[in-house]
Amino acid sequence: MESVLLVIHLLIALALVGVILIQRSEGGGLGIGGGNMGGMMSTRGTANLLTRTTGILAGCFMATSLVLAVLAGAHKAPTSIIDTMPAQPMAPAAPAQPATPAQPAPPVAQ
């Protein structure tokens, strides 16, 4: 289920990027304008269609994001530190005996 929803989410994201990129730039900051679409629709009609499509895709993107977040959080069951503590305190281990130091080697004559 998560895999299918993730693929749908990615397709919506790609469609959203595509729709945003074909919209006409109002500021003209890049120097490119999205002219008319071959006379298919008027400029106002195209803007309304693209704006509505962007809104619908953005809503679908947010909805799939929320559903994916809920599904990701559903796998992890809440745990408590108190439940994981042992019932009886463990007895302290006996201290380690220090190792006997090695005997120094006799000096070598040169």
C-alpha atoms as a PDB file:
ATOM      1  CA  MET A   1       0.000   0.000   0.000  1.00  0.00           C
ATOM      2  CA  GLU A   2       2.787   2.379   0.923  1.00  0.00           C
ATOM      3  CA  SER A   3       4.669   1.658  -2.287  1.00  0.00           C
ATOM      4  CA  VAL A   4       1.635   2.392  -4.448  1.00  0.00           C
ATOM      5  CA  LEU A   5       0.914   5.581  -2.537  1.00  0.00           C
ATOM      6  CA  LEU A   6       4.549   6.644  -2.807  1.00  0.00           C
ATOM      7  CA  VAL A   7       4.512   6.164  -6.582  1.00  0.00           C
ATOM      8  CA  ILE A   8       1.305   8.206  -6.832  1.00  0.00           C
ATOM      9  CA  HIS A   9       2.905  10.878  -4.644  1.00  0.00           C
ATOM     10  CA  LEU A  10       5.945  11.066  -6.924  1.00  0.00           C
ATOM     11  CA  LEU A  11       3.774  11.290 -10.042  1.00  0.00           C
ATOM     12  CA  ILE A  12       1.789  14.126  -8.480  1.00  0.00           C
ATOM     13  CA  ALA A  13       5.040  15.914  -7.593  1.00  0.00           C
ATOM     14  CA  LEU A  14       6.318  15.608 -11.168  1.00  0.00           C
ATOM     15  CA  ALA A  15       2.999  16.819 -12.584  1.00  0.00           C
ATOM     16  CA  LEU A  16       3.017  19.746 -10.153  1.00  0.00           C
ATOM     17  CA  VAL A  17       6.513  20.765 -11.240  1.00  0.00           C
ATOM     18  CA  GLY A  18       5.506  20.500 -14.895  1.00  0.00           C
ATOM     19  CA  VAL A  19       2.348  22.573 -14.472  1.00  0.00           C
ATOM     20  CA  ILE A  20       4.220  25.256 -12.559  1.00  0.00           C
ATOM     21  CA  LEU A  21       6.934  25.444 -15.201  1.00  0.00           C
ATOM     22  CA  ILE A  22       4.512  25.966 -18.101  1.00  0.00           C
ATOM     23  CA  GLN A  23       2.761  28.862 -16.390  1.00  0.00           C
ATOM     24  CA  ARG A  24       3.491  32.333 -17.676  1.00  0.00           C
ATOM     25  CA  SER A  25       5.980  34.303 -15.644  1.00  0.00           C
ATOM     26  CA  GLU A  26       4.345  37.506 -14.415  1.00  0.00           C
ATOM     27  CA  GLY A  27       7.551  39.179 -13.312  1.00  0.00           C
ATOM     28  CA  GLY A  28       9.521  38.365 -16.416  1.00  0.00           C
ATOM     29  CA  GLY A  29      12.618  37.903 -14.298  1.00  0.00           C
ATOM     30  CA  LEU A  30      14.019  35.182 -16.527  1.00  0.00           C
ATOM     31  CA  GLY A  31      13.228  36.994 -19.726  1.00  0.00           C
ATOM     32  CA  ILE A  32      11.060  34.166 -20.992  1.00  0.00           C
ATOM     33  CA  GLY A  33       7.345  34.286 -21.200  1.00  0.00           C
ATOM     34  CA  GLY A  34       4.974  31.442 -21.741  1.00  0.00           C
ATOM     35  CA  GLY A  35       3.240  32.650 -24.880  1.00  0.00           C
ATOM     36  CA  ASN A  36      -0.081  31.285 -26.018  1.00  0.00           C
ATOM     37  CA  MET A  37      -0.541  27.579 -26.494  1.00  0.00           C
ATOM     38  CA  GLY A  38      -0.950  27.518 -30.237  1.00  0.00           C
ATOM     39  CA  GLY A  39      -4.267  29.345 -30.188  1.00  0.00           C
ATOM     40  CA  MET A  40      -5.933  26.560 -28.221  1.00  0.00           C
ATOM     41  CA  MET A  41      -7.230  28.861 -25.490  1.00  0.00           C
ATOM     42  CA  SER A  42      -7.081  32.532 -24.650  1.00  0.00           C
ATOM     43  CA  THR A  43      -4.425  33.774 -22.260  1.00  0.00           C
ATOM     44  CA  ARG A  44      -6.954  34.282 -19.499  1.00  0.00           C
ATOM     45  CA  GLY A  45      -8.460  30.825 -20.002  1.00  0.00           C
ATOM     46  CA  THR A  46      -5.041  29.219 -19.953  1.00  0.00           C
ATOM     47  CA  ALA A  47      -4.119  31.052 -16.746  1.00  0.00           C
ATOM     48  CA  ASN A  48      -7.349  29.971 -15.070  1.00  0.00           C
ATOM     49  CA  LEU A  49      -6.874  26.355 -16.141  1.00  0.00           C
ATOM     50  CA  LEU A  50      -3.261  26.231 -14.998  1.00  0.00           C
ATOM     51  CA  THR A  51      -4.062  27.954 -11.709  1.00  0.00           C
ATOM     52  CA  ARG A  52      -6.886  25.529 -10.997  1.00  0.00           C
ATOM     53  CA  THR A  53      -4.731  22.549 -11.993  1.00  0.00           C
ATOM     54  CA  THR A  54      -1.912  23.772  -9.736  1.00  0.00           C
ATOM     55  CA  GLY A  55      -4.313  24.103  -6.820  1.00  0.00           C
ATOM     56  CA  ILE A  56      -5.770  20.641  -7.322  1.00  0.00           C
ATOM     57  CA  LEU A  57      -2.328  19.040  -7.661  1.00  0.00           C
ATOM     58  CA  ALA A  58      -1.077  20.907  -4.584  1.00  0.00           C
ATOM     59  CA  GLY A  59      -4.055  19.649  -2.575  1.00  0.00           C
ATOM     60  CA  CYS A  60      -3.466  16.073  -3.738  1.00  0.00           C
ATOM     61  CA  PHE A  61       0.244  16.414  -2.925  1.00  0.00           C
ATOM     62  CA  MET A  62      -0.519  17.558   0.622  1.00  0.00           C
ATOM     63  CA  ALA A  63      -3.100  14.819   1.116  1.00  0.00           C
ATOM     64  CA  THR A  64      -0.711  12.073  -0.005  1.00  0.00           C
ATOM     65  CA  SER A  65       2.018  13.610   2.183  1.00  0.00           C
ATOM     66  CA  LEU A  66      -0.211  13.411   5.244  1.00  0.00           C
ATOM     67  CA  VAL A  67      -1.321   9.846   4.471  1.00  0.00           C
ATOM     68  CA  LEU A  68       2.294   8.746   3.982  1.00  0.00           C
ATOM     69  CA  ALA A  69       3.265  10.379   7.287  1.00  0.00           C
ATOM     70  CA  VAL A  70       0.445   8.602   9.108  1.00  0.00           C
ATOM     71  CA  LEU A  71       1.381   5.267   7.540  1.00  0.00           C
ATOM     72  CA  ALA A  72       5.037   5.744   8.448  1.00  0.00           C
ATOM     73  CA  GLY A  73       4.147   6.507  12.061  1.00  0.00           C
ATOM     74  CA  ALA A  74       1.767   3.562  12.362  1.00  0.00           C
ATOM     75  CA  HIS A  75       4.558   0.980  12.146  1.00  0.00           C
ATOM     76  CA  LYS A  76       6.269   2.112  15.311  1.00  0.00           C
ATOM     77  CA  ALA A  77       4.514   1.057  18.481  1.00  0.00           C
ATOM     78  CA  PRO A  78       5.093   3.314  21.473  1.00  0.00           C
ATOM     79  CA  THR A  79       7.459   1.868  24.033  1.00  0.00           C
ATOM     80  CA  SER A  80       8.225   2.796  27.593  1.00  0.00           C
ATOM     81  CA  ILE A  81      11.563   2.730  29.353  1.00  0.00           C
ATOM     82  CA  ILE A  82       9.869   1.270  32.422  1.00  0.00           C
ATOM     83  CA  ASP A  83       8.695  -1.754  30.405  1.00  0.00           C
ATOM     84  CA  THR A  84      12.225  -2.510  29.238  1.00  0.00           C
ATOM     85  CA  MET A  85      13.907  -2.309  32.666  1.00  0.00           C
ATOM     86  CA  PRO A  86      14.798  -5.618  34.330  1.00  0.00           C
ATOM     87  CA  ALA A  87      12.662  -6.584  37.337  1.00  0.00           C
ATOM     88  CA  GLN A  88      15.615  -7.280  39.678  1.00  0.00           C
ATOM     89  CA  PRO A  89      18.716  -5.127  39.815  1.00  0.00           C
ATOM     90  CA  MET A  90      21.712  -7.030  38.608  1.00  0.00           C
ATOM     91  CA  ALA A  91      24.356  -7.978  41.167  1.00  0.00           C
ATOM     92  CA  PRO A  92      27.571  -6.066  40.635  1.00  0.00           C
ATOM     93  CA  ALA A  93      30.267  -8.089  38.988  1.00  0.00           C
ATOM     94  CA  ALA A  94      33.424  -8.894  40.922  1.00  0.00           C
ATOM     95  CA  PRO A  95      36.135  -6.339  40.266  1.00  0.00           C
ATOM     96  CA  ALA A  96      38.730  -7.454  37.787  1.00  0.00           C
ATOM     97  CA  GLN A  97      42.073  -8.507  39.239  1.00  0.00           C
ATOM     98  CA  PRO A  98      44.927  -6.355  38.039  1.00  0.00           C
ATOM     99  CA  ALA A  99      47.315  -8.160  35.753  1.00  0.00           C
ATOM    100  CA  THR A 100      50.807  -8.788  37.064  1.00  0.00           C
ATOM    101  CA  PRO A 101      53.296  -6.517  35.347  1.00  0.00           C
ATOM    102  CA  ALA A 102      55.758  -8.104  32.978  1.00  0.00           C
ATOM    103  CA  GLN A 103      59.351  -8.403  34.141  1.00  0.00           C
ATOM    104  CA  PRO A 104      61.654  -5.863  32.541  1.00  0.00           C
ATOM    105  CA  ALA A 105      64.089  -7.219  29.998  1.00  0.00           C
ATOM    106  CA  PRO A 106      67.815  -7.031  30.820  1.00  0.00           C
ATOM    107  CA  PRO A 107      69.711  -4.267  28.980  1.00  0.00           C
ATOM    108  CA  VAL A 108      71.442  -5.254  25.798  1.00  0.00           C
ATOM    109  CA  ALA A 109      75.131  -4.364  25.523  1.00  0.00           C
ATOM    110  CA  GLN A 110      76.176  -2.416  22.498  1.00  0.00           C
END
